C-alpha atoms as a PDB file:
ATOM      1  CA  MET A   1     -56.002 258.747 163.585  1.00  0.00           C
ATOM      2  CA  SER A   2     -52.765 260.778 163.499  1.00  0.00           C
ATOM      3  CA  ARG A   3     -50.746 261.281 160.405  1.00  0.00           C
ATOM      4  CA  HIS A   4     -47.899 259.163 161.849  1.00  0.00           C
ATOM      5  CA  GLY A   5     -50.310 256.329 162.742  1.00  0.00           C
ATOM      6  CA  GLY A   6     -51.615 256.307 159.185  1.00  0.00           C
ATOM      7  CA  PHE A   7     -48.063 256.189 157.838  1.00  0.00           C
ATOM      8  CA  ARG A   8     -47.265 253.185 160.031  1.00  0.00           C
ATOM      9  CA  LEU A   9     -50.314 251.285 158.673  1.00  0.00           C
ATOM     10  CA  VAL A  10     -49.246 252.035 155.103  1.00  0.00           C
ATOM     11  CA  VAL A  11     -45.737 250.724 155.764  1.00  0.00           C
ATOM     12  CA  ILE A  12     -47.076 247.563 157.406  1.00  0.00           C
ATOM     13  CA  GLY A  13     -49.424 247.075 154.441  1.00  0.00           C
ATOM     14  CA  LEU A  14     -46.562 247.407 151.987  1.00  0.00           C
ATOM     15  CA  LEU A  15     -44.490 244.892 153.925  1.00  0.00           C
ATOM     16  CA  LEU A  16     -47.340 242.409 154.022  1.00  0.00           C
ATOM     17  CA  SER A  17     -47.925 242.843 150.312  1.00  0.00           C
ATOM     18  CA  THR A  18     -44.346 241.828 149.586  1.00  0.00           C
ATOM     19  CA  LEU A  19     -44.748 238.510 151.416  1.00  0.00           C
ATOM     20  CA  PRO A  20     -45.747 235.474 149.338  1.00  0.00           C
ATOM     21  CA  LEU A  21     -49.450 234.791 149.427  1.00  0.00           C
ATOM     22  CA  PHE A  22     -48.922 231.036 149.451  1.00  0.00           C
ATOM     23  CA  GLY A  23     -46.789 228.725 151.530  1.00  0.00           C
ATOM     24  CA  ALA A  24     -44.749 227.264 148.675  1.00  0.00           C
ATOM     25  CA  LEU A  25     -44.095 227.638 144.953  1.00  0.00           C
ATOM     26  CA  TYR A  26     -43.432 224.741 142.609  1.00  0.00           C
ATOM     27  CA  ARG A  27     -42.491 224.298 139.008  1.00  0.00           C
ATOM     28  CA  SER A  28     -45.433 222.474 137.436  1.00  0.00           C
ATOM     29  CA  ASN A  29     -46.635 220.792 134.296  1.00  0.00           C
ATOM     30  CA  SER A  30     -49.824 221.773 132.498  1.00  0.00           C
ATOM     31  CA  LEU A  31     -51.832 219.366 134.675  1.00  0.00           C
ATOM     32  CA  GLY A  32     -50.874 221.222 137.820  1.00  0.00           C
ATOM     33  CA  GLN A  33     -48.626 218.463 139.134  1.00  0.00           C
ATOM     34  CA  MET A  34     -45.793 219.590 141.382  1.00  0.00           C
ATOM     35  CA  LEU A  35     -42.277 219.033 140.027  1.00  0.00           C
ATOM     36  CA  GLU A  36     -39.925 220.732 142.469  1.00  0.00           C
ATOM     37  CA  ALA A  37     -39.973 223.697 144.827  1.00  0.00           C
ATOM     38  CA  ILE A  38     -38.683 227.046 143.523  1.00  0.00           C
ATOM     39  CA  GLU A  39     -37.948 230.456 144.988  1.00  0.00           C
ATOM     40  CA  ALA A  40     -40.507 233.217 144.571  1.00  0.00           C
ATOM     41  CA  SER A  41     -37.990 235.218 142.528  1.00  0.00           C
ATOM     42  CA  ARG A  42     -37.876 232.428 139.933  1.00  0.00           C
ATOM     43  CA  ARG A  43     -41.609 232.129 139.348  1.00  0.00           C
ATOM     44  CA  ASN A  44     -41.281 233.777 135.911  1.00  0.00           C
ATOM     45  CA  ASP A  45     -38.567 231.345 134.812  1.00  0.00           C
ATOM     46  CA  PHE A  46     -41.057 228.567 134.047  1.00  0.00           C
ATOM     47  CA  PRO A  47     -44.192 228.425 131.865  1.00  0.00           C
ATOM     48  CA  TYR A  48     -46.164 226.669 134.613  1.00  0.00           C
ATOM     49  CA  VAL A  49     -45.965 227.590 138.298  1.00  0.00           C
ATOM     50  CA  LEU A  50     -48.090 226.121 141.081  1.00  0.00           C
ATOM     51  CA  GLU A  51     -48.686 228.048 144.316  1.00  0.00           C
ATOM     52  CA  SER A  52     -49.869 226.029 147.283  1.00  0.00           C
ATOM     53  CA  ARG A  53     -50.894 226.902 150.812  1.00  0.00           C
ATOM     54  CA  GLU A  54     -52.606 225.244 153.732  1.00  0.00           C
ATOM     55  CA  ILE A  55     -55.705 226.838 155.236  1.00  0.00           C
ATOM     56  CA  PRO A  56     -55.823 225.952 158.948  1.00  0.00           C
ATOM     57  CA  GLY A  57     -59.006 224.096 159.843  1.00  0.00           C
ATOM     58  CA  LYS A  58     -60.210 224.029 156.231  1.00  0.00           C
ATOM     59  CA  GLY A  59     -57.718 222.265 153.989  1.00  0.00           C
ATOM     60  CA  GLU A  60     -55.503 223.317 151.120  1.00  0.00           C
ATOM     61  CA  GLU A  61     -55.601 225.577 148.072  1.00  0.00           C
ATOM     62  CA  ARG A  62     -53.520 225.351 144.911  1.00  0.00           C
ATOM     63  CA  VAL A  63     -53.413 227.819 142.020  1.00  0.00           C
ATOM     64  CA  LEU A  64     -51.866 227.059 138.634  1.00  0.00           C
ATOM     65  CA  TYR A  65     -50.337 229.857 136.546  1.00  0.00           C
ATOM     66  CA  GLU A  66     -49.394 229.709 132.888  1.00  0.00           C
ATOM     67  CA  ASN A  67     -46.949 232.442 131.898  1.00  0.00           C
ATOM     68  CA  GLY A  68     -48.142 234.476 134.858  1.00  0.00           C
ATOM     69  CA  GLU A  69     -51.869 234.091 134.124  1.00  0.00           C
ATOM     70  CA  MET A  70     -54.090 232.091 136.471  1.00  0.00           C
ATOM     71  CA  VAL A  71     -55.555 229.145 134.523  1.00  0.00           C
ATOM     72  CA  GLY A  72     -56.675 226.763 137.248  1.00  0.00           C
ATOM     73  CA  LYS A  73     -57.353 226.408 140.932  1.00  0.00           C
ATOM     74  CA  VAL A  74     -58.025 223.465 143.246  1.00  0.00           C
ATOM     75  CA  GLU A  75     -59.619 223.785 146.672  1.00  0.00           C
ATOM     76  CA  ILE A  76     -59.240 220.763 148.967  1.00  0.00           C
ATOM     77  CA  GLU A  77     -61.576 220.952 151.942  1.00  0.00           C
ATOM     78  CA  ALA A  78     -61.021 218.661 154.930  1.00  0.00           C
ATOM     79  CA  LYS A  79     -62.094 219.035 158.544  1.00  0.00           C
ATOM     80  CA  ALA A  80     -58.781 217.637 159.766  1.00  0.00           C
ATOM     81  CA  ARG A  81     -55.371 216.933 158.240  1.00  0.00           C
ATOM     82  CA  ASN A  82     -55.951 213.149 158.258  1.00  0.00           C
ATOM     83  CA  SER A  83     -59.654 213.301 157.528  1.00  0.00           C
ATOM     84  CA  VAL A  84     -61.128 210.386 155.544  1.00  0.00           C
ATOM     85  CA  SER A  85     -63.541 212.792 153.821  1.00  0.00           C
ATOM     86  CA  ARG A  86     -62.352 215.438 151.398  1.00  0.00           C
ATOM     87  CA  LYS A  87     -64.155 217.710 148.987  1.00  0.00           C
ATOM     88  CA  VAL A  88     -62.093 218.789 145.993  1.00  0.00           C
ATOM     89  CA  THR A  89     -63.271 221.645 143.790  1.00  0.00           C
ATOM     90  CA  GLU A  90     -61.450 222.219 140.505  1.00  0.00           C
ATOM     91  CA  TYR A  91     -61.733 225.520 138.626  1.00  0.00           C
ATOM     92  CA  ARG A  92     -60.587 226.347 135.128  1.00  0.00           C
ATOM     93  CA  PHE A  93     -60.310 229.943 134.015  1.00  0.00           C
ATOM     94  CA  GLY A  94     -60.588 231.582 130.604  1.00  0.00           C
ATOM     95  CA  THR A  95     -58.297 234.210 129.113  1.00  0.00           C
ATOM     96  CA  GLY A  96     -60.324 236.954 130.789  1.00  0.00           C
ATOM     97  CA  GLY A  97     -60.119 235.354 134.209  1.00  0.00           C
ATOM     98  CA  GLU A  98     -63.690 234.045 134.092  1.00  0.00           C
ATOM     99  CA  ILE A  99     -64.520 230.576 135.400  1.00  0.00           C
ATOM    100  CA  VAL A 100     -65.137 228.247 132.445  1.00  0.00           C
ATOM    101  CA  SER A 101     -65.575 225.019 134.422  1.00  0.00           C
ATOM    102  CA  ASN A 102     -66.205 223.997 138.012  1.00  0.00           C
ATOM    103  CA  ILE A 103     -65.987 220.335 139.009  1.00  0.00           C
ATOM    104  CA  GLN A 104     -66.636 219.206 142.578  1.00  0.00           C
ATOM    105  CA  THR A 105     -65.572 215.742 143.750  1.00  0.00           C
ATOM    106  CA  LEU A 106     -66.261 214.158 147.135  1.00  0.00           C
ATOM    107  CA  TYR A 107     -63.727 211.561 148.348  1.00  0.00           C
ATOM    108  CA  GLU A 108     -64.050 208.982 151.127  1.00  0.00           C
ATOM    109  CA  HIS A 109     -60.890 207.086 152.114  1.00  0.00           C
ATOM    110  CA  GLY A 110     -59.283 208.323 148.892  1.00  0.00           C
ATOM    111  CA  LEU A 111     -62.055 206.979 146.637  1.00  0.00           C
ATOM    112  CA  PRO A 112     -64.282 209.359 144.615  1.00  0.00           C
ATOM    113  CA  GLN A 113     -67.886 209.032 145.777  1.00  0.00           C
ATOM    114  CA  SER A 114     -69.554 211.753 143.713  1.00  0.00           C
ATOM    115  CA  ILE A 115     -68.551 214.124 140.917  1.00  0.00           C
ATOM    116  CA  ALA A 116     -70.725 217.155 140.128  1.00  0.00           C
ATOM    117  CA  TRP A 117     -70.412 219.791 137.417  1.00  0.00           C
ATOM    118  CA  MET A 118     -72.435 222.164 135.274  1.00  0.00           C
ATOM    119  CA  GLU A 119     -72.773 221.841 131.521  1.00  0.00           C
ATOM    120  CA  GLY A 120     -74.740 224.796 130.257  1.00  0.00           C
ATOM    121  CA  ALA A 121     -77.800 224.992 132.490  1.00  0.00           C
ATOM    122  CA  ALA A 122     -77.785 221.249 133.254  1.00  0.00           C
ATOM    123  CA  VAL A 123     -76.442 219.776 136.486  1.00  0.00           C
ATOM    124  CA  HIS A 124     -74.436 216.590 135.965  1.00  0.00           C
ATOM    125  CA  LEU A 125     -73.772 214.160 138.802  1.00  0.00           C
ATOM    126  CA  THR A 126     -71.810 210.915 138.832  1.00  0.00           C
ATOM    127  CA  LEU A 127     -72.147 208.560 141.815  1.00  0.00           C
ATOM    128  CA  HIS A 128     -69.844 205.607 142.550  1.00  0.00           C
ATOM    129  CA  THR A 129     -70.567 202.633 144.811  1.00  0.00           C
ATOM    130  CA  TYR A 130     -67.855 200.378 146.285  1.00  0.00           C
ATOM    131  CA  VAL A 131     -67.646 197.019 148.021  1.00  0.00           C
ATOM    132  CA  ASP A 132     -64.424 196.258 149.912  1.00  0.00           C
ATOM    133  CA  GLY A 133     -62.772 199.185 148.157  1.00  0.00           C
ATOM    134  CA  LYS A 134     -63.684 197.930 144.652  1.00  0.00           C
ATOM    135  CA  MET A 135     -66.019 199.939 142.429  1.00  0.00           C
ATOM    136  CA  VAL A 136     -69.184 197.951 141.659  1.00  0.00           C
ATOM    137  CA  GLU A 137     -71.592 200.555 140.263  1.00  0.00           C
ATOM    138  CA  THR A 138     -71.653 203.981 138.645  1.00  0.00           C
ATOM    139  CA  LYS A 139     -74.715 206.129 138.132  1.00  0.00           C
ATOM    140  CA  GLU A 140     -74.818 209.182 135.881  1.00  0.00           C
ATOM    141  CA  LEU A 141     -77.599 211.721 136.442  1.00  0.00           C
ATOM    142  CA  VAL A 142     -78.572 214.906 134.629  1.00  0.00           C
ATOM    143  CA  ASP A 143     -80.797 217.323 136.553  1.00  0.00           C
ATOM    144  CA  GLY A 144     -81.566 214.539 138.998  1.00  0.00           C
ATOM    145  CA  GLU A 145     -82.648 211.978 136.372  1.00  0.00           C
ATOM    146  CA  LEU A 146     -80.718 208.749 135.834  1.00  0.00           C
ATOM    147  CA  VAL A 147     -79.299 208.616 132.290  1.00  0.00           C
ATOM    148  CA  LYS A 148     -76.724 205.817 132.549  1.00  0.00           C
ATOM    149  CA  LEU A 149     -76.056 202.888 134.860  1.00  0.00           C
ATOM    150  CA  ILE A 150     -72.767 200.983 134.818  1.00  0.00           C
ATOM    151  CA  THR A 151     -72.344 197.726 136.743  1.00  0.00           C
ATOM    152  CA  TYR A 152     -68.859 196.279 137.268  1.00  0.00           C
ATOM    153  CA  TYR A 153     -68.276 192.529 137.629  1.00  0.00           C
ATOM    154  CA  ARG A 154     -65.166 191.196 139.335  1.00  0.00           C
ATOM    155  CA  GLY A 155     -63.483 187.841 139.660  1.00  0.00           C
ATOM    156  CA  SER A 156     -62.535 186.112 142.888  1.00  0.00           C
ATOM    157  CA  ASP A 157     -59.224 188.010 142.860  1.00  0.00           C
ATOM    158  CA  GLY A 158     -61.059 191.341 142.707  1.00  0.00           C
ATOM    159  CA  MET A 159     -59.892 192.097 139.163  1.00  0.00           C
ATOM    160  CA  LEU A 160     -62.409 193.530 136.703  1.00  0.00           C
ATOM    161  CA  SER A 161     -63.952 190.713 134.667  1.00  0.00           C
ATOM    162  CA  GLY A 162     -66.816 192.534 132.955  1.00  0.00           C
ATOM    163  CA  LEU A 163     -69.257 195.403 133.003  1.00  0.00           C
ATOM    164  CA  ARG A 164     -72.769 196.269 131.871  1.00  0.00           C
ATOM    165  CA  ILE A 165     -73.804 199.692 130.611  1.00  0.00           C
ATOM    166  CA  VAL A 166     -77.477 200.666 130.307  1.00  0.00           C
ATOM    167  CA  GLY A 167     -78.243 204.034 128.704  1.00  0.00           C
ATOM    168  CA  ILE A 168     -81.246 206.338 128.698  1.00  0.00           C
ATOM    169  CA  ASP A 169     -82.006 205.289 125.108  1.00  0.00           C
ATOM    170  CA  GLU A 170     -82.581 201.751 126.443  1.00  0.00           C
ATOM    171  CA  THR A 171     -79.446 200.480 124.733  1.00  0.00           C
ATOM    172  CA  ALA A 172     -77.460 197.982 126.766  1.00  0.00           C
ATOM    173  CA  MET A 173     -73.843 196.940 126.422  1.00  0.00           C
ATOM    174  CA  GLN A 174     -71.980 194.210 128.260  1.00  0.00           C
ATOM    175  CA  THR A 175     -68.269 193.537 128.228  1.00  0.00           C
ATOM    176  CA  ILE A 176     -66.148 190.744 129.640  1.00  0.00           C
ATOM    177  CA  TYR A 177     -62.446 190.459 130.411  1.00  0.00           C
ATOM    178  CA  SER A 178     -60.448 187.323 131.101  1.00  0.00           C
ATOM    179  CA  GLN A 179     -56.982 185.837 130.751  1.00  0.00           C
ATOM    180  CA  ASP A 180     -55.963 182.220 130.298  1.00  0.00           C
ATOM    181  CA  LEU A 181     -52.539 180.781 129.478  1.00  0.00           C
ATOM    182  CA  GLY A 182     -51.195 184.169 128.464  1.00  0.00           C
ATOM    183  CA  VAL A 183     -54.156 184.974 126.181  1.00  0.00           C
ATOM    184  CA  SER A 184     -56.255 188.005 127.111  1.00  0.00           C
ATOM    185  CA  VAL A 185     -59.896 187.986 126.041  1.00  0.00           C
ATOM    186  CA  TYR A 186     -62.204 190.975 125.646  1.00  0.00           C
ATOM    187  CA  GLY A 187     -65.876 190.519 124.816  1.00  0.00           C
ATOM    188  CA  GLU A 188     -68.532 193.097 123.988  1.00  0.00           C
ATOM    189  CA  ASN A 189     -72.279 192.552 123.701  1.00  0.00           C
ATOM    190  CA  ILE A 190     -74.391 195.408 122.265  1.00  0.00           C
ATOM    191  CA  GLN A 191     -78.093 194.758 121.741  1.00  0.00           C
ATOM    192  CA  GLY A 192     -77.593 191.073 120.982  1.00  0.00           C
ATOM    193  CA  ALA A 193     -74.461 191.535 118.847  1.00  0.00           C
ATOM    194  CA  PHE A 194     -71.521 189.936 120.655  1.00  0.00           C
ATOM    195  CA  THR A 195     -67.872 190.344 119.677  1.00  0.00           C
ATOM    196  CA  ARG A 196     -65.010 188.508 121.342  1.00  0.00           C
ATOM    197  CA  LEU A 197     -61.392 189.544 120.820  1.00  0.00           C
ATOM    198  CA  SER A 198     -58.544 187.263 121.888  1.00  0.00           C
ATOM    199  CA  PHE A 199     -55.086 188.827 122.177  1.00  0.00           C
ATOM    200  CA  TYR A 200     -52.179 186.455 121.504  1.00  0.00           C
ATOM    201  CA  PRO A 201     -48.427 187.107 121.847  1.00  0.00           C
ATOM    202  CA  GLY A 202     -46.952 189.050 118.941  1.00  0.00           C
ATOM    203  CA  ASN A 203     -49.839 191.558 118.854  1.00  0.00           C
ATOM    204  CA  LEU A 204     -52.130 189.040 117.131  1.00  0.00           C
ATOM    205  CA  VAL A 205     -55.863 189.603 117.595  1.00  0.00           C
ATOM    206  CA  VAL A 206     -58.466 186.903 116.921  1.00  0.00           C
ATOM    207  CA  ARG A 207     -62.119 187.893 116.470  1.00  0.00           C
ATOM    208  CA  ASP A 208     -65.361 185.974 116.975  1.00  0.00           C
ATOM    209  CA  VAL A 209     -68.774 187.569 116.282  1.00  0.00           C
ATOM    210  CA  TRP A 210     -72.319 186.485 117.139  1.00  0.00           C
ATOM    211  CA  THR A 211     -75.642 188.154 116.308  1.00  0.00           C
ATOM    212  CA  ASN A 212     -78.644 187.012 118.357  1.00  0.00           C
ATOM    213  CA  GLU A 213     -76.777 183.793 119.238  1.00  0.00           C
ATOM    214  CA  GLU A 214     -75.976 183.101 115.571  1.00  0.00           C
ATOM    215  CA  ARG A 215     -72.245 182.923 115.014  1.00  0.00           C
ATOM    216  CA  ASN A 216     -71.239 185.228 112.145  1.00  0.00           C
ATOM    217  CA  VAL A 217     -67.480 184.990 112.552  1.00  0.00           C
ATOM    218  CA  GLU A 218     -65.949 181.799 113.949  1.00  0.00           C
ATOM    219  CA  THR A 219     -62.247 181.570 114.701  1.00  0.00           C
ATOM    220  CA  THR A 220     -59.975 178.727 115.777  1.00  0.00           C
ATOM    221  CA  VAL A 221     -56.271 178.904 116.561  1.00  0.00           C
ATOM    222  CA  ALA A 222     -53.725 176.140 115.911  1.00  0.00           C
ATOM    223  CA  TYR A 223     -50.032 175.708 115.129  1.00  0.00           C
ATOM    224  CA  ASP A 224     -48.503 174.063 112.059  1.00  0.00           C
ATOM    225  CA  GLU A 225     -45.600 171.596 111.964  1.00  0.00           C
ATOM    226  CA  ALA A 226     -43.115 174.514 111.898  1.00  0.00           C
ATOM    227  CA  GLY A 227     -44.584 175.926 115.112  1.00  0.00           C
ATOM    228  CA  ARG A 228     -46.191 178.898 113.349  1.00  0.00           C
ATOM    229  CA  MET A 229     -49.552 180.189 114.539  1.00  0.00           C
ATOM    230  CA  VAL A 230     -52.402 179.449 112.135  1.00  0.00           C
ATOM    231  CA  ILE A 231     -55.752 181.201 112.495  1.00  0.00           C
ATOM    232  CA  HIS A 232     -58.801 179.705 110.776  1.00  0.00           C
ATOM    233  CA  GLU A 233     -61.607 182.223 110.377  1.00  0.00           C
ATOM    234  CA  THR A 234     -65.086 181.550 108.952  1.00  0.00           C
ATOM    235  CA  ILE A 235     -67.156 184.583 107.941  1.00  0.00           C
ATOM    236  CA  GLY A 236     -70.485 183.387 106.603  1.00  0.00           C
ATOM    237  CA  ALA A 237     -69.597 181.156 103.664  1.00  0.00           C
ATOM    238  CA  ILE A 238     -66.026 182.475 103.393  1.00  0.00           C
ATOM    239  CA  ARG A 239     -63.203 180.519 105.015  1.00  0.00           C
ATOM    240  CA  ILE A 240     -59.874 182.226 105.686  1.00  0.00           C
ATOM    241  CA  ARG A 241     -56.631 180.648 106.925  1.00  0.00           C
ATOM    242  CA  LYS A 242     -53.860 183.015 108.085  1.00  0.00           C
ATOM    243  CA  THR A 243     -50.340 181.889 108.930  1.00  0.00           C
ATOM    244  CA  TYR A 244     -48.038 184.033 111.054  1.00  0.00           C
ATOM    245  CA  GLY A 245     -44.292 183.906 111.495  1.00  0.00           C
ATOM    246  CA  PRO A 246     -42.559 183.718 114.893  1.00  0.00           C
ATOM    247  CA  ASP A 247     -42.259 187.511 114.914  1.00  0.00           C
ATOM    248  CA  GLY A 248     -46.048 187.894 114.556  1.00  0.00           C
ATOM    249  CA  MET A 249     -45.903 188.972 110.903  1.00  0.00           C
ATOM    250  CA  LEU A 250     -48.512 187.585 108.482  1.00  0.00           C
ATOM    251  CA  VAL A 251     -46.756 185.346 105.947  1.00  0.00           C
ATOM    252  CA  LYS A 252     -49.704 183.733 104.153  1.00  0.00           C
ATOM    253  CA  SER A 253     -53.427 184.282 103.772  1.00  0.00           C
ATOM    254  CA  GLU A 254     -55.638 181.640 102.132  1.00  0.00           C
ATOM    255  CA  SER A 255     -59.367 182.067 101.537  1.00  0.00           C
ATOM    256  CA  GLU A 256     -62.203 180.367  99.697  1.00  0.00           C
ATOM    257  CA  ASP A 257     -65.617 181.847  98.890  1.00  0.00           C
ATOM    258  CA  SER A 258     -69.004 180.165  98.504  1.00  0.00           C
ATOM    259  CA  GLU A 259     -68.385 179.581  94.770  1.00  0.00           C
ATOM    260  CA  GLY A 260     -65.159 177.708  95.420  1.00  0.00           C
ATOM    261  CA  LYS A 261     -62.835 180.456  94.213  1.00  0.00           C
ATOM    262  CA  LYS A 262     -59.558 180.269  96.144  1.00  0.00           C
ATOM    263  CA  THR A 263     -57.271 183.205  96.907  1.00  0.00           C
ATOM    264  CA  THR A 264     -53.759 182.836  98.311  1.00  0.00           C
ATOM    265  CA  ILE A 265     -51.505 185.748  99.263  1.00  0.00           C
ATOM    266  CA  THR A 266     -47.932 185.261 100.454  1.00  0.00           C
ATOM    267  CA  TYR A 267     -45.869 188.031 102.034  1.00  0.00           C
ATOM    268  CA  VAL A 268     -42.092 188.502 102.125  1.00  0.00           C
ATOM    269  CA  TYR A 269     -40.364 190.931 104.505  1.00  0.00           C
ATOM    270  CA  ASP A 270     -36.866 192.355 104.670  1.00  0.00           C
ATOM    271  CA  HIS A 271     -34.530 191.873 107.639  1.00  0.00           C
ATOM    272  CA  ASN A 272     -36.160 194.866 109.385  1.00  0.00           C
ATOM    273  CA  GLY A 273     -39.623 193.329 109.178  1.00  0.00           C
ATOM    274  CA  ILE A 274     -40.788 195.768 106.471  1.00  0.00           C
ATOM    275  CA  LEU A 275     -42.938 194.364 103.668  1.00  0.00           C
ATOM    276  CA  ASP A 276     -40.803 193.779 100.563  1.00  0.00           C
ATOM    277  CA  GLN A 277     -43.047 191.843  98.160  1.00  0.00           C
ATOM    278  CA  SER A 278     -46.290 189.889  97.960  1.00  0.00           C
ATOM    279  CA  LEU A 279     -47.782 187.386  95.557  1.00  0.00           C
ATOM    280  CA  GLU A 280     -51.550 186.959  95.167  1.00  0.00           C
ATOM    281  CA  LEU A 281     -53.078 183.986  93.355  1.00  0.00           C
ATOM    282  CA  VAL A 282     -56.794 183.772  92.576  1.00  0.00           C
ATOM    283  CA  VAL A 283     -57.802 180.382  91.220  1.00  0.00           C
ATOM    284  CA  GLY A 284     -61.242 179.953  89.681  1.00  0.00           C
ATOM    285  CA  GLU A 285     -62.336 179.525  86.087  1.00  0.00           C
ATOM    286  CA  HIS A 286     -59.090 181.361  85.246  1.00  0.00           C
ATOM    287  CA  THR A 287     -55.933 181.902  87.257  1.00  0.00           C
ATOM    288  CA  LYS A 288     -55.121 185.468  88.191  1.00  0.00           C
ATOM    289  CA  ARG A 289     -51.712 186.388  89.595  1.00  0.00           C
ATOM    290  CA  ILE A 290     -50.722 189.740  91.050  1.00  0.00           C
ATOM    291  CA  GLU A 291     -47.088 190.477  91.947  1.00  0.00           C
ATOM    292  CA  ARG A 292     -46.460 193.499  94.142  1.00  0.00           C
ATOM    293  CA  TRP A 293     -43.094 195.011  95.064  1.00  0.00           C
ATOM    294  CA  TYR A 294     -42.565 197.526  97.843  1.00  0.00           C
ATOM    295  CA  LYS A 295     -39.886 200.029  98.787  1.00  0.00           C
ATOM    296  CA  ASN A 296     -39.647 200.930 102.482  1.00  0.00           C
ATOM    297  CA  GLY A 297     -43.100 199.415 102.925  1.00  0.00           C
ATOM    298  CA  THR A 298     -44.679 201.545 100.144  1.00  0.00           C
ATOM    299  CA  LEU A 299     -46.099 199.904  97.043  1.00  0.00           C
ATOM    300  CA  GLU A 300     -43.807 200.659  94.093  1.00  0.00           C
ATOM    301  CA  THR A 301     -44.786 198.309  91.250  1.00  0.00           C
ATOM    302  CA  GLN A 302     -47.614 195.865  90.579  1.00  0.00           C
ATOM    303  CA  THR A 303     -48.053 193.419  87.701  1.00  0.00           C
ATOM    304  CA  GLU A 304     -51.238 191.466  86.965  1.00  0.00           C
ATOM    305  CA  TRP A 305     -51.264 188.190  85.024  1.00  0.00           C
ATOM    306  CA  LEU A 306     -54.161 186.169  83.645  1.00  0.00           C
ATOM    307  CA  ASP A 307     -53.443 182.524  82.850  1.00  0.00           C
ATOM    308  CA  ASN A 308     -49.683 183.262  82.777  1.00  0.00           C
ATOM    309  CA  ALA A 309     -50.049 186.214  80.373  1.00  0.00           C
ATOM    310  CA  PRO A 310     -49.427 189.783  81.601  1.00  0.00           C
ATOM    311  CA  VAL A 311     -52.427 192.096  81.286  1.00  0.00           C
ATOM    312  CA  LYS A 312     -51.443 195.187  83.277  1.00  0.00           C
ATOM    313  CA  ALA A 313     -48.331 196.602  84.968  1.00  0.00           C
ATOM    314  CA  THR A 314     -48.427 199.634  87.249  1.00  0.00           C
ATOM    315  CA  ARG A 315     -45.614 201.871  88.467  1.00  0.00           C
ATOM    316  CA  TYR A 316     -46.334 204.213  91.390  1.00  0.00           C
ATOM    317  CA  LEU A 317     -44.253 207.384  91.210  1.00  0.00           C
ATOM    318  CA  ALA A 318     -42.994 209.592  94.036  1.00  0.00           C
ATOM    319  CA  ASP A 319     -45.266 212.509  93.055  1.00  0.00           C
ATOM    320  CA  GLY A 320     -48.374 210.361  93.589  1.00  0.00           C
ATOM    321  CA  THR A 321     -49.083 209.702  89.917  1.00  0.00           C
ATOM    322  CA  SER A 322     -49.070 206.204  88.449  1.00  0.00           C
ATOM    323  CA  VAL A 323     -48.245 204.810  85.038  1.00  0.00           C
ATOM    324  CA  VAL A 324     -50.232 201.783  83.855  1.00  0.00           C
ATOM    325  CA  THR A 325     -48.958 199.686  80.990  1.00  0.00           C
ATOM    326  CA  LEU A 326     -51.645 197.675  79.196  1.00  0.00           C
ATOM    327  CA  PHE A 327     -50.965 194.396  77.409  1.00  0.00           C
ATOM    328  CA  ASP A 328     -52.658 192.591  74.514  1.00  0.00           C
ATOM    329  CA  ASN A 329     -51.819 188.915  74.030  1.00  0.00           C
ATOM    330  CA  GLY A 330     -48.844 189.390  76.315  1.00  0.00           C
ATOM    331  CA  ARG A 331     -47.453 192.435  74.446  1.00  0.00           C
ATOM    332  CA  PRO A 332     -47.560 196.022  75.834  1.00  0.00           C
ATOM    333  CA  TYR A 333     -49.541 198.397  73.630  1.00  0.00           C
ATOM    334  CA  ALA A 334     -50.320 201.539  75.706  1.00  0.00           C
ATOM    335  CA  ASP A 335     -49.136 203.571  78.714  1.00  0.00           C
ATOM    336  CA  VAL A 336     -51.740 205.473  80.735  1.00  0.00           C
ATOM    337  CA  THR A 337     -50.691 208.062  83.330  1.00  0.00           C
ATOM    338  CA  TYR A 338     -53.146 208.705  86.157  1.00  0.00           C
ATOM    339  CA  ALA A 339     -53.378 211.642  88.574  1.00  0.00           C
ATOM    340  CA  PRO A 340     -52.721 211.010  92.301  1.00  0.00           C
ATOM    341  CA  ASP A 341     -56.448 210.356  92.842  1.00  0.00           C
ATOM    342  CA  GLY A 342     -56.118 207.299  90.589  1.00  0.00           C
ATOM    343  CA  LYS A 343     -59.119 208.354  88.503  1.00  0.00           C
ATOM    344  CA  ARG A 344     -58.177 211.237  86.211  1.00  0.00           C
ATOM    345  CA  VAL A 345     -56.137 210.350  83.123  1.00  0.00           C
ATOM    346  CA  LEU A 346     -53.257 212.765  82.555  1.00  0.00           C
ATOM    347  CA  SER A 347     -51.909 211.189  79.378  1.00  0.00           C
ATOM    348  CA  LEU A 348     -52.385 208.227  77.073  1.00  0.00           C
ATOM    349  CA  GLU A 349     -49.577 206.993  74.840  1.00  0.00           C
ATOM    350  CA  TYR A 350     -49.831 204.075  72.429  1.00  0.00           C
ATOM    351  CA  ARG A 351     -46.736 202.076  71.700  1.00  0.00           C
ATOM    352  CA  LYS A 352     -45.693 201.724  68.079  1.00  0.00           C
ATOM    353  CA  GLU A 353     -45.650 198.256  66.603  1.00  0.00           C
ATOM    354  CA  ARG A 354     -42.147 196.943  66.371  1.00  0.00           C
END
């Protein structure tokens, strides 16, 4: 080759090297999603840049850069532009440019059929099965052995109504989903322990629990004469009645234990819906009353009474410490200051007799 011929090849090589390697550049987010096209000269103006190009007869390739460093790449293989089958391989790169993860997904008609990846020396494979475009089963395998089976149940409208999960440790879990008259219900059954959650308007959640067909937590929902929702909950021998305001805030809680001791707590909120005060009454052999006052939703003072006589008053300070005043026959006789952990005593001061 002559010296001039070699020079021409060098010039052509330099020209080719100045052309963009990919068909288009896009500003991107950290997930590699395209935001808008940009000029090659502006690729350093953004923390994330995505380069994309089509490979004739093979598919598409996208490379994600973070501050100029390649952090991810996606290869989309398809025999034709409108092919129903596509194989997508996702790569993630470390700081040294090494591949830290490689996930390969096979799609049919836009639905993932299989997902394969390496985790250490183990080969993981997830297989999905569909009926009429709805997923009905998922299998998870490790080195060719089935480790988890998920079965999806659907209603007549095709919406998910439940699923069953069976693991390699022989544990089984079933869940159900339903909706009736604006109330969504979620149920979960794990090895004979079944929990049902009912979601009512106002972010209210009602719970029912069974163990081996024995009902541990039983809940009923009703409305009082003022139209407020009232939830009756039975947990073993304990009965609890909770009353909620129209805004979904708890305004009263009443409970009774197996010994007949009754506890009633009422709650008062400010105009912003932030807890302002509460009053707790415990009626048994004696009557115990606890008054709590809050500031911006944080407990500030608390006074305990026994049969209408004060026994203890607590002030919670901004630095996390608390000062407890003790009473004897209704008269304060000592102030105890506790550390923020509520256990260590920082000081003890007795009040002089007046």
